[in-house]
Protein backbone atom coordinates (compact mmCIF):
# COMPACT_ATOMS: atom_id res chain seq x y z
CA MET A 1 -40.41 -58.69 -3.82
CA LYS A 2 -39.16 -60.88 -6.56
CA ARG A 3 -39.85 -64.60 -5.93
CA VAL A 4 -37.11 -67.05 -7.11
CA SER A 5 -38.32 -70.45 -8.07
CA PHE A 6 -36.46 -73.55 -7.54
CA LEU A 7 -37.76 -75.25 -10.68
CA THR A 8 -38.08 -72.87 -13.68
CA THR A 9 -39.03 -73.64 -17.32
CA LYS A 10 -35.35 -73.04 -18.19
CA LYS A 11 -34.08 -75.50 -15.58
CA ILE A 12 -36.60 -78.13 -16.71
CA ALA A 13 -35.42 -77.70 -20.28
CA TYR A 14 -31.75 -77.93 -19.31
CA ALA A 15 -32.55 -81.14 -17.29
CA GLY A 16 -34.29 -82.62 -20.31
CA ILE A 17 -31.26 -81.95 -22.46
CA PHE A 18 -29.02 -83.69 -19.83
CA VAL A 19 -31.39 -86.64 -19.77
CA ALA A 20 -31.30 -86.92 -23.55
CA LEU A 21 -27.52 -86.65 -23.70
CA SER A 22 -27.06 -89.45 -21.06
CA VAL A 23 -29.53 -91.70 -22.78
CA ALA A 24 -28.00 -91.00 -26.17
CA ILE A 25 -24.46 -91.68 -24.96
CA ASN A 26 -25.47 -94.85 -23.07
CA THR A 27 -27.27 -96.16 -26.07
CA LEU A 28 -24.15 -95.71 -28.26
CA ARG A 29 -21.85 -97.50 -25.77
CA ILE A 30 -19.41 -100.13 -27.06
CA GLY A 31 -19.70 -103.24 -24.95
CA SER A 32 -19.59 -102.05 -21.22
CA ILE A 33 -17.66 -98.84 -22.01
CA SER A 34 -19.83 -95.88 -21.70
CA PHE A 35 -19.55 -92.25 -20.68
CA GLY A 36 -23.34 -91.90 -20.07
CA GLY A 37 -22.69 -91.00 -16.37
CA PHE A 38 -21.05 -87.77 -17.44
CA PRO A 39 -24.06 -85.78 -18.32
CA ILE A 40 -25.73 -86.93 -15.16
CA ILE A 41 -22.83 -85.75 -12.98
CA PHE A 42 -22.46 -82.53 -15.01
CA SER A 43 -26.19 -81.76 -14.47
CA GLY A 44 -25.61 -81.87 -10.75
CA TYR A 45 -22.71 -79.40 -10.95
CA ALA A 46 -24.69 -76.97 -13.36
CA LEU A 47 -28.22 -77.32 -11.96
CA GLY A 48 -27.64 -78.35 -8.33
CA PRO A 49 -27.84 -81.71 -6.52
CA VAL A 50 -31.61 -81.95 -6.48
CA LEU A 51 -32.03 -81.56 -10.17
CA GLY A 52 -28.85 -83.81 -10.71
CA PHE A 53 -30.68 -86.49 -8.79
CA ILE A 54 -33.77 -86.12 -10.78
CA VAL A 55 -31.81 -86.20 -14.10
CA GLY A 56 -29.93 -89.27 -13.07
CA GLY A 57 -33.32 -91.05 -12.15
CA LEU A 58 -35.03 -90.05 -15.29
CA ALA A 59 -31.95 -90.89 -17.54
CA ASP A 60 -32.04 -94.44 -16.07
CA ILE A 61 -35.70 -94.95 -16.64
CA VAL A 62 -35.80 -93.51 -20.16
CA GLY A 63 -32.55 -95.40 -20.99
CA PHE A 64 -34.18 -98.66 -19.69
CA ILE A 65 -37.20 -98.07 -21.89
CA ILE A 66 -35.14 -97.38 -25.02
CA ARG A 67 -32.41 -100.06 -24.34
CA PRO A 68 -33.65 -102.76 -21.81
CA SER A 69 -31.02 -104.52 -19.76
CA SER A 70 -29.96 -107.79 -21.11
CA THR A 71 -29.40 -109.18 -17.49
CA GLY A 72 -32.92 -108.90 -16.20
CA GLY A 73 -35.86 -106.56 -15.83
CA PHE A 74 -36.08 -103.10 -14.54
CA ASN A 75 -34.76 -102.64 -11.03
CA PRO A 76 -35.29 -99.40 -8.84
CA ILE A 77 -31.92 -100.01 -7.14
CA PHE A 78 -30.06 -99.07 -10.36
CA THR A 79 -32.36 -96.03 -10.84
CA LEU A 80 -31.59 -94.93 -7.33
CA THR A 81 -27.83 -95.41 -8.13
CA SER A 82 -28.10 -93.37 -11.18
CA ALA A 83 -29.95 -90.69 -9.30
CA LEU A 84 -27.17 -90.59 -6.68
CA THR A 85 -24.60 -90.27 -9.43
CA GLY A 86 -26.12 -86.73 -10.12
CA ALA A 87 -26.20 -85.65 -6.53
CA ILE A 88 -23.31 -87.02 -4.55
CA PRO A 89 -20.35 -85.27 -6.46
CA VAL A 90 -21.80 -81.77 -6.18
CA ILE A 91 -22.78 -82.19 -2.66
CA VAL A 92 -19.22 -83.29 -1.79
CA THR A 93 -17.66 -80.54 -3.83
CA SER A 94 -19.99 -77.91 -2.21
CA ALA A 95 -19.12 -79.35 1.22
CA LEU A 96 -15.37 -78.72 0.32
CA GLY A 97 -16.20 -74.98 -0.30
CA ASN A 98 -16.73 -74.76 -3.98
CA LYS A 99 -19.85 -73.15 -5.49
CA TYR A 100 -21.25 -72.82 -9.03
CA PRO A 101 -19.82 -71.73 -11.40
CA ASN A 102 -16.27 -71.36 -9.74
CA TYR A 103 -15.31 -74.98 -9.31
CA LYS A 104 -11.70 -76.04 -8.54
CA PHE A 105 -10.28 -79.20 -10.27
CA GLY A 106 -9.06 -80.81 -7.06
CA LYS A 107 -12.37 -80.41 -5.27
CA ILE A 108 -14.26 -81.73 -8.30
CA LEU A 109 -11.90 -84.62 -8.60
CA VAL A 110 -12.69 -85.52 -4.83
CA GLY A 111 -16.39 -85.10 -5.41
CA VAL A 112 -16.45 -87.34 -8.52
CA LEU A 113 -14.10 -89.83 -6.77
CA ILE A 114 -16.35 -90.12 -3.83
CA GLY A 115 -19.57 -90.14 -5.82
CA GLN A 116 -18.44 -92.72 -8.32
CA THR A 117 -16.88 -94.97 -5.61
CA ILE A 118 -20.20 -95.12 -3.62
CA THR A 119 -22.34 -95.64 -6.65
CA SER A 120 -20.38 -97.38 -9.47
CA VAL A 121 -17.71 -99.34 -7.36
CA ILE A 122 -19.86 -100.25 -4.23
CA ILE A 123 -23.67 -100.03 -4.81
CA VAL A 124 -23.85 -101.38 -8.27
CA PRO A 125 -21.56 -104.46 -7.82
CA LEU A 126 -23.45 -105.15 -4.45
CA ALA A 127 -26.81 -105.04 -6.12
CA ILE A 128 -25.67 -107.15 -9.03
CA SER A 129 -24.10 -109.86 -6.58
CA ILE A 130 -27.47 -109.89 -4.50
CA LEU A 131 -29.78 -109.95 -7.53
CA TYR A 132 -27.86 -112.32 -9.92
CA GLY A 133 -25.49 -114.41 -8.18
CA LYS A 134 -23.31 -115.41 -5.30
CA ASN A 135 -19.58 -114.50 -4.89
CA THR A 136 -19.64 -111.96 -7.84
CA PHE A 137 -19.23 -108.79 -5.70
CA TRP A 138 -15.46 -108.70 -5.79
CA TYR A 139 -15.35 -109.45 -9.48
CA TYR A 140 -17.79 -106.56 -10.40
CA MET A 141 -16.18 -104.22 -7.86
CA THR A 142 -12.80 -104.85 -9.30
CA SER A 143 -13.93 -104.28 -12.76
CA ALA A 144 -15.81 -101.09 -11.84
CA ALA A 145 -12.85 -99.76 -10.01
CA ILE A 146 -10.60 -100.31 -13.05
CA LYS A 147 -13.20 -98.49 -15.31
CA GLN A 148 -13.46 -95.63 -12.71
CA ALA A 149 -9.77 -95.15 -12.44
CA VAL A 150 -10.06 -93.85 -16.07
CA SER A 151 -13.50 -92.28 -15.77
CA ILE A 152 -13.07 -90.23 -12.74
CA PRO A 153 -10.12 -88.05 -13.99
CA VAL A 154 -11.68 -87.84 -17.39
CA TYR A 155 -14.99 -86.58 -15.93
CA SER A 156 -13.27 -84.10 -13.80
CA ILE A 157 -11.41 -82.56 -16.57
CA LEU A 158 -14.45 -82.55 -18.66
CA ILE A 159 -16.48 -80.86 -15.99
CA ILE A 160 -13.85 -78.02 -15.51
CA SER A 161 -13.30 -77.44 -19.15
CA ILE A 162 -17.03 -77.63 -20.24
CA ASN A 163 -18.13 -75.64 -17.15
CA LYS A 164 -15.72 -72.77 -18.06
CA ILE A 165 -17.21 -72.51 -21.55
CA LEU A 166 -20.88 -73.03 -20.75
CA SER A 167 -20.94 -70.81 -17.55
CA LYS A 168 -20.13 -67.88 -19.75
CA GLN A 169 -22.87 -68.42 -22.17
CA PHE A 170 -25.62 -70.03 -19.90
CA LEU A 171 -26.61 -69.30 -16.40
CA PHE A 172 -27.75 -72.71 -15.29
CA ARG A 173 -28.81 -71.63 -11.83
C-alpha cells in the first residue's frame, strides 16, 4: 500500500517559493500599494488551506525580519491575519464545491471576497485601532475596503489565469 504524505519535499519547496514571492512583492511595494497577498492566497489554492495558512504566517514573519514595520514592533495578530489570508479563500471556494485544479471564477471571487473582507477589511483595521489609537477603525476599514475593491477581482482573475497555466505543468497537490 502506497502511503501519501501530507507534507512532501516538493510541497515544502513550493511553499518556500510562495513565501519568497510574497516577501519580495511586499518589499517592493510603493507606499501602501502591494500585491504581496496574492502569492499567499494562490498558495492556498495550489497547496491547500493548511499549507496556505503556513505560507501566510511564514511570509509575514520573514517579511517583518526583512522590512520591519514603521508603526511598531512585531505583532502576532498580523501574522495570524496573514496566515488566514492563505486559508480562508480556498476553504470557502472548496465549500462552494470547487476542488483543485478545476476552479471556477465566480467561486474563487466569492472565496477571495470573503477571505479579504475578514482579514484585510475587518481584522487588520480592528487590530490597528486597538493597538495604535482610538477611533481609527472606520478610517482604516474604509481605506482597506477601497483597496480590496480593486485587489479582489484582480486576485481572482490572476488565480484563474495562472492556475490554468501552472496546473498543466506542475501538480501542486
